[in-house]
N, C-alpha and C. Protein backbone atom coordinates (compact mmCIF):
# COMPACT_ATOMS: atom_id res chain seq x y z
N MET A 1 -4.27 19.07 18.52
CA MET A 1 -3.72 17.98 17.62
C MET A 1 -2.61 18.54 16.68
N GLU A 2 -1.62 17.76 16.68
CA GLU A 2 -0.45 18.15 15.65
C GLU A 2 -0.89 17.76 14.24
N LEU A 3 -0.65 18.70 13.36
CA LEU A 3 -0.96 18.46 12.10
C LEU A 3 0.16 18.56 11.12
N ARG A 4 0.31 17.50 10.14
CA ARG A 4 1.45 17.54 9.33
C ARG A 4 0.75 17.46 7.82
N LEU A 5 0.89 18.41 6.88
CA LEU A 5 0.24 18.50 5.67
C LEU A 5 1.49 18.43 4.60
N SER A 6 1.27 17.43 3.65
CA SER A 6 2.15 17.41 2.48
C SER A 6 1.37 17.27 1.25
N ALA A 7 1.98 17.48 0.12
CA ALA A 7 1.24 17.61 -1.19
C ALA A 7 2.32 17.18 -2.25
N ARG A 8 1.74 16.37 -3.21
CA ARG A 8 2.63 15.98 -4.45
C ARG A 8 1.74 16.29 -5.66
N HIS A 9 2.51 17.04 -6.56
CA HIS A 9 1.90 17.52 -7.82
C HIS A 9 0.70 18.36 -7.71
N THR A 10 0.52 19.00 -6.45
CA THR A 10 -0.54 19.94 -6.19
C THR A 10 0.02 20.97 -5.20
N THR A 11 -0.71 22.13 -5.05
CA THR A 11 -0.29 23.13 -4.04
C THR A 11 -1.47 23.42 -3.23
N VAL A 12 -1.51 23.34 -1.91
CA VAL A 12 -2.50 23.82 -1.03
C VAL A 12 -2.26 25.09 -0.61
N SER A 13 -3.25 25.98 -0.78
CA SER A 13 -3.21 27.40 -0.38
C SER A 13 -3.33 27.46 1.14
N ASP A 14 -2.83 28.69 1.63
CA ASP A 14 -2.79 28.89 3.10
C ASP A 14 -4.29 28.82 3.69
N GLN A 15 -5.08 29.48 2.93
CA GLN A 15 -6.48 29.59 3.32
C GLN A 15 -7.00 28.11 3.44
N ASP A 16 -6.83 27.30 2.45
CA ASP A 16 -7.31 25.78 2.48
C ASP A 16 -6.61 25.11 3.67
N ARG A 17 -5.30 25.39 3.93
CA ARG A 17 -4.73 24.81 5.09
C ARG A 17 -5.31 25.02 6.28
N SER A 18 -5.85 26.25 6.51
CA SER A 18 -6.44 26.75 7.69
C SER A 18 -7.70 26.07 7.76
N PHE A 19 -8.55 25.89 6.83
CA PHE A 19 -9.90 25.26 6.75
C PHE A 19 -9.72 23.83 7.09
N ILE A 20 -8.69 23.15 6.50
CA ILE A 20 -8.46 21.80 6.69
C ILE A 20 -8.06 21.48 8.17
N GLY A 21 -7.13 22.30 8.77
CA GLY A 21 -6.89 22.18 10.14
C GLY A 21 -8.03 22.24 10.98
N GLU A 22 -9.06 23.21 10.78
CA GLU A 22 -10.28 23.33 11.65
C GLU A 22 -11.02 22.10 11.48
N LYS A 23 -11.07 21.54 10.36
CA LYS A 23 -11.99 20.37 10.05
C LYS A 23 -11.48 19.15 10.77
N ILE A 24 -10.25 19.00 10.77
CA ILE A 24 -9.60 17.88 11.46
C ILE A 24 -9.60 18.07 12.98
N GLU A 25 -9.46 19.08 13.28
CA GLU A 25 -9.60 19.52 14.93
C GLU A 25 -10.86 18.99 15.43
N ARG A 26 -11.92 19.12 14.68
CA ARG A 26 -13.25 18.76 15.11
C ARG A 26 -13.43 17.35 15.31
N LEU A 27 -12.66 16.52 14.55
CA LEU A 27 -12.61 15.04 14.80
C LEU A 27 -12.22 14.55 16.18
N SER A 28 -11.62 15.51 17.00
CA SER A 28 -11.23 15.07 18.29
C SER A 28 -12.46 14.90 19.26
N LYS A 29 -13.65 15.51 18.84
CA LYS A 29 -14.80 15.31 19.56
C LYS A 29 -15.32 13.77 19.50
N PHE A 30 -14.87 13.13 18.39
CA PHE A 30 -15.42 11.62 18.21
C PHE A 30 -14.60 10.80 19.11
N LEU A 31 -13.29 11.12 19.21
CA LEU A 31 -12.46 10.33 20.12
C LEU A 31 -11.21 10.93 20.63
N PRO A 32 -11.36 11.65 21.82
CA PRO A 32 -10.28 12.40 22.36
C PRO A 32 -9.00 11.62 22.54
N GLY A 33 -7.86 12.14 22.25
CA GLY A 33 -6.62 11.45 22.40
C GLY A 33 -6.02 11.09 21.22
N MET A 34 -6.73 11.35 20.04
CA MET A 34 -6.02 11.12 18.64
C MET A 34 -5.16 12.51 18.51
N ASP A 35 -3.87 12.39 18.83
CA ASP A 35 -2.86 13.41 18.97
C ASP A 35 -2.13 13.97 17.82
N ARG A 36 -2.25 13.21 16.60
CA ARG A 36 -1.38 13.51 15.51
C ARG A 36 -2.30 13.22 14.12
N ALA A 37 -2.32 14.16 13.30
CA ALA A 37 -2.95 13.94 12.00
C ALA A 37 -1.96 14.29 10.87
N GLU A 38 -1.87 13.26 9.87
CA GLU A 38 -0.95 13.52 8.67
C GLU A 38 -2.00 13.47 7.51
N VAL A 39 -1.79 14.69 6.78
CA VAL A 39 -2.68 14.89 5.56
C VAL A 39 -1.90 14.84 4.34
N HIS A 40 -2.01 14.00 3.47
CA HIS A 40 -1.30 14.00 2.22
C HIS A 40 -2.30 14.16 0.97
N PHE A 41 -2.01 15.13 0.05
CA PHE A 41 -2.82 15.32 -1.16
C PHE A 41 -1.74 14.91 -2.41
N ALA A 42 -2.45 14.37 -3.27
CA ALA A 42 -1.68 13.93 -4.51
C ALA A 42 -2.52 14.16 -5.73
N GLU A 43 -2.02 14.67 -6.67
CA GLU A 43 -2.64 14.80 -8.09
C GLU A 43 -2.75 13.27 -8.90
N GLU A 44 -3.66 12.69 -9.02
CA GLU A 44 -3.66 11.49 -9.71
C GLU A 44 -3.39 11.61 -11.29
N ARG A 45 -2.64 10.78 -11.79
CA ARG A 45 -2.19 10.87 -13.13
C ARG A 45 -2.99 9.95 -14.11
N ASN A 46 -3.84 9.03 -13.48
CA ASN A 46 -4.69 8.20 -14.37
C ASN A 46 -5.81 8.86 -15.05
N PRO A 47 -5.80 8.82 -16.38
CA PRO A 47 -6.85 9.56 -17.07
C PRO A 47 -8.24 8.94 -16.82
N ARG A 48 -8.46 7.65 -16.28
CA ARG A 48 -9.61 7.06 -16.02
C ARG A 48 -10.26 7.44 -14.76
N ILE A 49 -9.56 8.26 -13.97
CA ILE A 49 -10.02 8.61 -12.64
C ILE A 49 -10.68 10.07 -12.72
N PRO A 50 -11.90 10.29 -12.66
CA PRO A 50 -12.66 11.45 -12.99
C PRO A 50 -12.12 12.65 -11.94
N ASP A 51 -12.10 12.33 -10.80
CA ASP A 51 -11.72 13.17 -9.67
C ASP A 51 -10.27 12.93 -9.46
N LYS A 52 -9.42 13.98 -9.96
CA LYS A 52 -7.94 13.79 -9.93
C LYS A 52 -7.23 13.85 -8.57
N LEU A 53 -7.91 14.64 -7.68
CA LEU A 53 -7.24 15.12 -6.41
C LEU A 53 -7.49 13.93 -5.17
N ALA A 54 -6.48 13.28 -4.90
CA ALA A 54 -6.66 12.33 -3.82
C ALA A 54 -6.06 12.97 -2.50
N CYS A 55 -6.85 12.63 -1.51
CA CYS A 55 -6.62 13.05 -0.08
C CYS A 55 -6.59 11.81 0.75
N GLU A 56 -5.40 11.79 1.48
CA GLU A 56 -5.28 10.66 2.60
C GLU A 56 -5.04 11.20 3.96
N ILE A 57 -5.87 10.91 4.89
CA ILE A 57 -5.55 11.31 6.12
C ILE A 57 -5.36 10.28 7.21
N THR A 58 -4.31 10.32 7.92
CA THR A 58 -3.90 9.32 8.95
C THR A 58 -4.01 10.00 10.38
N LEU A 59 -4.86 9.42 11.17
CA LEU A 59 -4.89 9.85 12.59
C LEU A 59 -4.20 8.90 13.55
N ILE A 60 -3.40 9.33 14.50
CA ILE A 60 -2.50 8.54 15.35
C ILE A 60 -2.90 8.92 16.75
N GLY A 61 -3.07 7.86 17.52
CA GLY A 61 -3.36 8.10 18.95
C GLY A 61 -4.03 6.88 19.60
N HIS A 62 -4.08 6.82 20.91
CA HIS A 62 -4.53 5.67 21.55
C HIS A 62 -3.97 4.29 21.32
N GLY A 63 -2.68 4.36 20.70
CA GLY A 63 -2.08 3.18 20.40
C GLY A 63 -2.61 2.63 19.04
N HIS A 64 -3.46 3.39 18.29
CA HIS A 64 -4.02 3.00 17.07
C HIS A 64 -3.72 3.98 15.96
N THR A 65 -3.81 3.63 14.70
CA THR A 65 -3.63 4.40 13.49
C THR A 65 -5.05 4.10 12.76
N VAL A 66 -5.64 5.34 12.54
CA VAL A 66 -6.94 5.23 11.71
C VAL A 66 -6.65 5.96 10.42
N ARG A 67 -6.99 5.41 9.22
CA ARG A 67 -6.59 6.14 7.91
C ARG A 67 -7.73 5.95 7.01
N ALA A 68 -7.93 6.96 6.19
CA ALA A 68 -8.83 6.89 5.03
C ALA A 68 -8.34 7.76 3.97
N LYS A 69 -8.95 7.44 2.81
CA LYS A 69 -8.53 8.08 1.47
C LYS A 69 -9.78 8.33 0.67
N ALA A 70 -9.79 9.45 -0.01
CA ALA A 70 -10.90 9.79 -1.00
C ALA A 70 -10.43 10.68 -2.16
N ASN A 71 -11.12 10.72 -3.22
CA ASN A 71 -10.78 11.75 -4.25
C ASN A 71 -11.89 12.69 -4.47
N ALA A 72 -11.51 13.80 -4.97
CA ALA A 72 -12.70 14.80 -5.27
C ALA A 72 -11.86 15.87 -6.26
N ALA A 73 -12.67 16.75 -6.69
CA ALA A 73 -12.14 17.79 -7.58
C ALA A 73 -11.36 18.80 -7.01
N ASP A 74 -11.36 19.11 -5.65
CA ASP A 74 -10.61 20.15 -4.96
C ASP A 74 -10.30 19.75 -3.68
N HIS A 75 -9.32 20.38 -2.96
CA HIS A 75 -8.76 20.14 -1.72
C HIS A 75 -9.85 19.88 -0.59
N LEU A 76 -10.76 20.90 -0.49
CA LEU A 76 -11.70 20.80 0.56
C LEU A 76 -12.72 19.93 0.47
N SER A 77 -13.07 19.60 -0.86
CA SER A 77 -14.14 18.55 -1.14
C SER A 77 -13.51 17.22 -0.75
N ALA A 78 -12.32 16.91 -1.12
CA ALA A 78 -11.60 15.62 -0.96
C ALA A 78 -11.44 15.59 0.69
N THR A 79 -11.13 16.55 1.23
CA THR A 79 -11.00 16.62 2.76
C THR A 79 -12.35 16.12 3.56
N ASP A 80 -13.40 16.73 2.98
CA ASP A 80 -14.63 16.50 3.55
C ASP A 80 -15.06 15.00 3.45
N ARG A 81 -14.87 14.46 2.11
CA ARG A 81 -15.08 13.10 1.97
C ARG A 81 -14.31 12.16 2.99
N VAL A 82 -12.95 12.45 3.12
CA VAL A 82 -12.25 11.58 4.02
C VAL A 82 -12.60 11.80 5.37
N ILE A 83 -12.97 13.03 5.80
CA ILE A 83 -13.46 13.22 7.25
C ILE A 83 -14.71 12.32 7.50
N GLU A 84 -15.61 12.34 6.56
CA GLU A 84 -16.76 11.48 6.70
C GLU A 84 -16.47 10.00 6.96
N LYS A 85 -15.40 9.50 6.27
CA LYS A 85 -15.10 8.10 6.50
C LYS A 85 -14.44 8.00 7.76
N LEU A 86 -13.59 8.95 8.28
CA LEU A 86 -12.84 8.93 9.42
C LEU A 86 -13.80 8.86 10.58
N GLU A 87 -14.91 9.74 10.50
CA GLU A 87 -15.83 9.86 11.67
C GLU A 87 -16.45 8.42 11.77
N ASN A 88 -16.79 7.74 10.78
CA ASN A 88 -17.35 6.40 10.99
C ASN A 88 -16.34 5.49 11.50
N LYS A 89 -15.05 5.51 11.11
CA LYS A 89 -14.11 4.61 11.74
C LYS A 89 -13.85 4.93 13.15
N LEU A 90 -13.79 6.22 13.47
CA LEU A 90 -13.48 6.58 15.00
C LEU A 90 -14.68 6.15 15.71
N GLY A 91 -15.74 6.21 15.21
CA GLY A 91 -17.14 5.73 16.04
C GLY A 91 -16.90 4.31 16.23
N LYS A 92 -16.44 3.51 15.38
CA LYS A 92 -16.23 2.07 15.45
C LYS A 92 -15.26 1.83 16.57
N LEU A 93 -14.08 2.61 16.59
CA LEU A 93 -13.00 2.35 17.40
C LEU A 93 -13.40 2.80 18.87
N LYS A 94 -14.22 3.84 18.97
CA LYS A 94 -14.63 4.28 20.30
C LYS A 94 -15.65 3.16 20.92
N ALA A 95 -16.55 2.75 20.14
CA ALA A 95 -17.43 1.66 20.58
C ALA A 95 -16.70 0.47 21.12
N LYS A 96 -15.63 0.01 20.34
CA LYS A 96 -14.86 -1.04 20.75
C LYS A 96 -14.14 -0.80 22.11
N LEU A 97 -13.52 0.40 22.19
CA LEU A 97 -12.82 0.69 23.46
C LEU A 97 -13.67 0.81 24.57
N ASN A 98 -14.88 1.39 24.39
CA ASN A 98 -15.78 1.61 25.55
C ASN A 98 -16.58 0.37 25.93
N SER A 99 -16.97 -0.50 24.96
CA SER A 99 -17.77 -1.76 25.36
C SER A 99 -16.87 -2.75 25.92
N LYS A 100 -15.64 -3.02 25.41
CA LYS A 100 -14.79 -4.01 25.87
C LYS A 100 -13.49 -3.57 26.10
N PRO A 101 -13.14 -2.92 27.24
CA PRO A 101 -11.85 -2.29 27.49
C PRO A 101 -10.79 -3.54 27.36
N ASN A 102 -9.71 -3.29 26.55
CA ASN A 102 -8.64 -4.30 26.29
C ASN A 102 -7.38 -3.91 27.00
N HIS A 103 -6.76 -4.60 27.88
CA HIS A 103 -5.58 -4.26 28.49
C HIS A 103 -4.53 -4.11 27.48
N ARG A 104 -4.32 -4.83 26.35
CA ARG A 104 -3.46 -4.56 25.43
C ARG A 104 -3.40 -3.14 24.86
N ASP A 105 -4.58 -2.57 24.69
CA ASP A 105 -4.54 -1.16 24.09
C ASP A 105 -4.00 -0.18 25.11
N ALA A 106 -4.32 -0.35 26.32
CA ALA A 106 -3.71 0.56 27.47
C ALA A 106 -2.19 0.21 27.47
N ALA A 107 -1.90 -1.08 27.56
CA ALA A 107 -0.40 -1.22 27.74
C ALA A 107 0.33 -0.88 26.56
N LEU A 108 -0.16 -0.85 25.27
CA LEU A 108 0.50 -0.40 24.11
C LEU A 108 0.81 1.14 24.15
N VAL A 109 -0.35 1.69 24.57
CA VAL A 109 -0.19 3.24 24.47
C VAL A 109 0.80 3.64 25.59
N LYS A 110 0.85 3.01 26.94
CA LYS A 110 1.87 3.32 27.90
C LYS A 110 3.30 2.96 27.40
N LYS A 111 3.46 1.89 26.64
CA LYS A 111 4.73 1.48 26.15
C LYS A 111 5.22 2.52 25.10
N LEU A 112 4.31 2.94 24.25
CA LEU A 112 4.75 3.81 23.22
C LEU A 112 5.14 5.15 23.66
N ARG A 113 4.38 5.57 24.70
CA ARG A 113 4.73 6.90 25.38
C ARG A 113 6.06 6.83 26.07
N TYR A 114 6.22 5.74 26.73
CA TYR A 114 7.45 5.57 27.59
C TYR A 114 8.75 5.39 26.64
N GLU A 115 8.46 4.91 25.58
CA GLU A 115 9.72 4.73 24.64
C GLU A 115 9.81 5.80 23.68
N GLY A 116 8.80 6.67 23.57
CA GLY A 116 8.89 7.75 22.74
C GLY A 116 8.64 7.35 21.26
N ALA A 117 8.18 6.14 21.03
CA ALA A 117 7.88 5.65 19.58
C ALA A 117 6.62 6.17 19.21
N PRO A 118 6.60 6.39 17.84
CA PRO A 118 5.20 6.66 17.15
C PRO A 118 4.34 5.40 17.18
N ALA A 119 2.94 5.69 17.22
CA ALA A 119 2.20 4.52 17.17
C ALA A 119 1.98 4.03 15.78
N GLY A 120 1.92 2.80 15.53
CA GLY A 120 1.82 2.17 14.17
C GLY A 120 0.43 1.84 13.93
N ASN A 121 0.21 0.87 12.97
CA ASN A 121 -1.07 0.60 12.50
C ASN A 121 -1.69 -0.56 13.30
N GLY A 122 -1.44 -0.49 14.67
CA GLY A 122 -1.87 -1.66 15.50
C GLY A 122 -0.63 -2.70 15.62
N SER A 123 0.10 -2.72 14.51
CA SER A 123 1.25 -3.50 14.71
C SER A 123 2.42 -2.47 14.53
N VAL A 124 3.10 -2.28 15.59
CA VAL A 124 4.09 -1.23 15.73
C VAL A 124 5.36 -1.43 14.92
N ALA A 125 5.73 -0.64 14.14
CA ALA A 125 6.86 -0.96 13.34
C ALA A 125 8.14 -0.76 14.18
N VAL A 126 8.92 -1.77 14.20
CA VAL A 126 10.14 -1.69 14.93
C VAL A 126 11.32 -1.35 14.07
N GLU A 127 11.21 -1.81 12.87
CA GLU A 127 12.42 -1.59 11.85
C GLU A 127 11.87 -1.79 10.50
N GLU A 128 12.30 -0.81 9.64
CA GLU A 128 11.83 -0.94 8.33
C GLU A 128 13.11 -0.58 7.35
N GLU A 129 13.30 -1.42 6.33
CA GLU A 129 14.27 -1.24 5.43
C GLU A 129 14.18 -1.73 4.18
N ALA A 130 14.88 -1.22 3.14
CA ALA A 130 14.70 -1.91 1.75
C ALA A 130 15.71 -2.95 1.70
N THR A 131 15.28 -4.05 1.10
CA THR A 131 16.21 -5.12 0.91
C THR A 131 16.11 -5.67 -0.53
N THR A 132 17.10 -6.23 -1.01
CA THR A 132 17.25 -6.85 -2.42
C THR A 132 17.37 -8.43 -2.24
N GLU A 133 16.54 -9.18 -2.74
CA GLU A 133 16.75 -10.67 -2.89
C GLU A 133 17.10 -11.15 -4.27
N ALA A 134 16.76 -12.38 -4.53
CA ALA A 134 17.04 -12.88 -5.90
C ALA A 134 16.22 -12.15 -6.89
N PRO A 135 16.80 -12.05 -8.15
CA PRO A 135 16.08 -11.10 -9.03
C PRO A 135 14.65 -11.46 -9.32
N GLU A 136 14.30 -12.75 -9.48
CA GLU A 136 12.97 -13.20 -9.72
C GLU A 136 11.98 -12.82 -8.76
N TYR A 137 12.41 -12.65 -7.48
CA TYR A 137 11.55 -12.10 -6.33
C TYR A 137 12.25 -11.04 -5.52
N GLU A 138 12.11 -9.87 -6.01
CA GLU A 138 12.73 -8.77 -5.39
C GLU A 138 11.87 -8.10 -4.32
N ILE A 139 12.32 -8.21 -3.00
CA ILE A 139 11.67 -7.71 -1.96
C ILE A 139 12.07 -6.20 -1.79
N VAL A 140 11.16 -5.34 -2.09
CA VAL A 140 11.57 -3.85 -2.03
C VAL A 140 11.26 -3.22 -0.65
N ARG A 141 10.58 -4.00 0.21
CA ARG A 141 10.31 -3.36 1.51
C ARG A 141 10.11 -4.36 2.46
N SER A 142 10.81 -4.18 3.69
CA SER A 142 10.68 -5.11 4.79
C SER A 142 10.25 -4.61 6.01
N LYS A 143 9.37 -5.13 6.75
CA LYS A 143 8.76 -4.55 7.95
C LYS A 143 8.80 -5.43 9.05
N LYS A 144 9.18 -5.13 10.26
CA LYS A 144 9.00 -6.05 11.41
C LYS A 144 8.01 -5.34 12.34
N VAL A 145 6.98 -6.34 12.80
CA VAL A 145 5.89 -5.84 13.70
C VAL A 145 6.00 -6.32 14.99
N GLU A 146 5.37 -5.65 16.03
CA GLU A 146 5.24 -6.20 17.34
C GLU A 146 4.26 -7.39 17.49
N LYS A 147 4.53 -8.31 18.13
CA LYS A 147 3.68 -9.41 18.19
C LYS A 147 2.44 -9.12 19.00
N LEU A 148 1.26 -9.03 18.37
CA LEU A 148 -0.03 -8.77 19.02
C LEU A 148 -0.89 -10.03 19.03
N THR A 149 -1.40 -10.39 20.24
CA THR A 149 -2.35 -11.42 20.37
C THR A 149 -3.72 -10.93 20.37
N LEU A 150 -4.52 -11.18 19.46
CA LEU A 150 -5.84 -10.69 19.19
C LEU A 150 -6.77 -11.85 18.86
N SER A 151 -8.03 -11.51 19.00
CA SER A 151 -9.07 -12.38 18.43
C SER A 151 -9.27 -11.96 16.96
N PRO A 152 -9.75 -12.86 16.05
CA PRO A 152 -9.96 -12.62 14.65
C PRO A 152 -10.77 -11.37 14.54
N GLN A 153 -11.78 -11.07 15.33
CA GLN A 153 -12.67 -10.02 15.24
C GLN A 153 -11.85 -8.68 15.59
N GLU A 154 -11.03 -8.64 16.73
CA GLU A 154 -10.20 -7.49 16.92
C GLU A 154 -9.20 -7.26 15.74
N ALA A 155 -8.75 -8.25 15.28
CA ALA A 155 -7.69 -7.97 14.07
C ALA A 155 -8.42 -7.43 12.85
N ALA A 156 -9.74 -7.98 12.52
CA ALA A 156 -10.39 -7.37 11.50
C ALA A 156 -10.82 -5.97 11.78
N LEU A 157 -11.14 -5.57 12.91
CA LEU A 157 -11.38 -4.26 13.19
C LEU A 157 -10.17 -3.26 13.01
N ARG A 158 -8.95 -3.86 13.37
CA ARG A 158 -7.80 -2.94 13.31
C ARG A 158 -7.36 -3.01 11.75
N MET A 159 -7.66 -4.04 10.92
CA MET A 159 -7.40 -3.89 9.45
C MET A 159 -8.27 -2.89 8.92
N ASP A 160 -9.74 -2.79 9.35
CA ASP A 160 -10.55 -1.78 8.77
C ASP A 160 -10.08 -0.49 9.07
N LEU A 161 -9.59 -0.20 10.29
CA LEU A 161 -9.18 1.07 10.81
C LEU A 161 -8.08 1.66 10.05
N VAL A 162 -7.09 0.91 9.53
CA VAL A 162 -6.11 1.44 8.69
C VAL A 162 -6.25 1.31 7.27
N SER A 163 -7.41 0.80 6.77
CA SER A 163 -7.69 0.65 5.34
C SER A 163 -6.83 -0.41 4.60
N HIS A 164 -6.43 -1.32 5.30
CA HIS A 164 -5.50 -2.33 4.75
C HIS A 164 -6.36 -3.58 4.11
N ASP A 165 -5.79 -4.35 3.26
CA ASP A 165 -6.41 -5.56 2.72
C ASP A 165 -6.24 -6.79 3.57
N PHE A 166 -5.16 -6.68 4.53
CA PHE A 166 -4.79 -7.80 5.46
C PHE A 166 -4.27 -7.39 6.58
N TYR A 167 -4.26 -8.27 7.60
CA TYR A 167 -3.74 -7.89 8.92
C TYR A 167 -3.06 -9.04 9.58
N PHE A 168 -1.82 -9.11 9.93
CA PHE A 168 -1.09 -10.21 10.49
C PHE A 168 -1.15 -10.02 12.05
N PHE A 169 -1.34 -11.19 12.77
CA PHE A 169 -1.52 -11.12 14.14
C PHE A 169 -1.31 -12.60 14.77
N THR A 170 -1.16 -12.62 15.98
CA THR A 170 -1.25 -13.92 16.81
C THR A 170 -2.70 -14.25 17.18
N ASN A 171 -3.15 -15.30 16.81
CA ASN A 171 -4.63 -15.71 17.12
C ASN A 171 -4.70 -16.14 18.55
N ALA A 172 -5.62 -15.35 19.36
CA ALA A 172 -5.70 -15.61 20.76
C ALA A 172 -6.23 -16.89 20.99
N ASP A 173 -7.07 -17.42 20.16
CA ASP A 173 -7.71 -18.86 20.29
C ASP A 173 -6.67 -19.83 20.17
N THR A 174 -5.69 -19.66 19.29
CA THR A 174 -4.68 -20.81 19.03
C THR A 174 -3.19 -20.53 19.51
N GLY A 175 -3.00 -19.27 19.68
CA GLY A 175 -1.66 -18.86 19.99
C GLY A 175 -0.71 -19.09 18.90
N LEU A 176 -1.20 -19.08 17.76
CA LEU A 176 -0.31 -19.23 16.40
C LEU A 176 -0.45 -18.07 15.53
N PRO A 177 0.46 -17.84 14.68
CA PRO A 177 0.23 -16.73 13.65
C PRO A 177 -0.99 -16.88 12.77
N ALA A 178 -1.57 -15.79 12.49
CA ALA A 178 -2.91 -15.79 11.61
C ALA A 178 -2.86 -14.49 10.76
N VAL A 179 -3.69 -14.55 9.84
CA VAL A 179 -3.97 -13.28 8.85
C VAL A 179 -5.45 -13.25 8.66
N VAL A 180 -6.03 -12.02 8.79
CA VAL A 180 -7.33 -11.68 8.30
C VAL A 180 -7.29 -10.92 7.10
N TYR A 181 -8.05 -11.23 6.08
CA TYR A 181 -7.93 -10.48 4.86
C TYR A 181 -9.35 -10.08 4.29
N ARG A 182 -9.33 -9.12 3.30
CA ARG A 182 -10.63 -8.65 2.87
C ARG A 182 -10.71 -9.53 1.48
N ARG A 183 -11.94 -10.18 1.34
CA ARG A 183 -12.15 -11.07 0.18
C ARG A 183 -12.76 -10.10 -0.83
N ASN A 184 -12.66 -10.75 -2.17
CA ASN A 184 -13.23 -9.99 -3.27
C ASN A 184 -14.75 -9.66 -3.10
N ASP A 185 -15.50 -10.61 -2.42
CA ASP A 185 -16.96 -10.37 -2.35
C ASP A 185 -17.21 -9.47 -1.15
N GLY A 186 -16.15 -8.90 -0.48
CA GLY A 186 -16.42 -7.99 0.60
C GLY A 186 -16.43 -8.62 1.99
N GLY A 187 -16.30 -9.87 2.01
CA GLY A 187 -16.28 -10.54 3.26
C GLY A 187 -14.89 -10.59 3.98
N ILE A 188 -14.72 -11.12 5.11
CA ILE A 188 -13.58 -11.27 5.73
C ILE A 188 -13.06 -12.74 5.74
N GLY A 189 -11.89 -12.93 5.39
CA GLY A 189 -11.14 -14.19 5.47
C GLY A 189 -10.38 -14.53 6.50
N LEU A 190 -9.89 -15.52 7.03
CA LEU A 190 -9.07 -15.97 8.03
C LEU A 190 -8.17 -17.06 7.68
N ILE A 191 -6.82 -16.78 7.70
CA ILE A 191 -5.89 -17.80 7.50
C ILE A 191 -5.20 -18.15 8.79
N ASP A 192 -5.35 -19.34 9.31
CA ASP A 192 -4.67 -19.82 10.50
C ASP A 192 -3.61 -20.85 10.20
N GLU A 193 -2.44 -20.67 11.05
CA GLU A 193 -1.43 -21.75 11.01
C GLU A 193 -1.86 -22.86 11.82
N ILE A 194 -1.56 -24.08 11.37
CA ILE A 194 -1.96 -25.17 12.06
C ILE A 194 -0.48 -25.82 12.68
N GLU A 195 -0.67 -26.52 13.82
CA GLU A 195 0.65 -27.11 14.41
C GLU A 195 0.82 -28.49 13.65
N THR A 196 2.05 -28.67 13.29
CA THR A 196 2.46 -29.79 12.64
C THR A 196 3.13 -30.83 13.58
N PRO A 197 2.80 -32.08 13.54
CA PRO A 197 3.53 -33.08 14.38
C PRO A 197 4.97 -33.16 14.25
């Protein structure tokens, strides 16, 4: 597995890098084919956060991106907490892929390998750029995504795998754009577009 490690406001020792690499390599037993791992450490500046060191790990493969983040007092403890979350997410993804093979997953992997493009968060980034609009509504980032037709349950799983609060997709039931999102009470909400006459 290819490993990329970066750090902001903190330094990771060579020994810790080696341990982290070994820990991440073990994740491949949960779901073979996750071929890239990006690890980022950052020192939190918020005085209300007791564990100042944040670790975010993103695994990429199978046409999916799986991401988790956790805080701890040191690099290895933070890594262990994130890996525990990733094991759970990889288990969910493996169960989904094994129980209900989806031709879209296979087609997406094949397409990405053919074009040499990196896998995205289930919605493949085609173009990303900074834009500036009217001063009262400044758009600081714009992203175009591949049109994916999914059931709301599949979209909710993909949202969970990348630890996002929402996920944009085309609803397989209606053929129209839709969004699933995480509600404040922990449930999942669905926003569906309706056809207007």
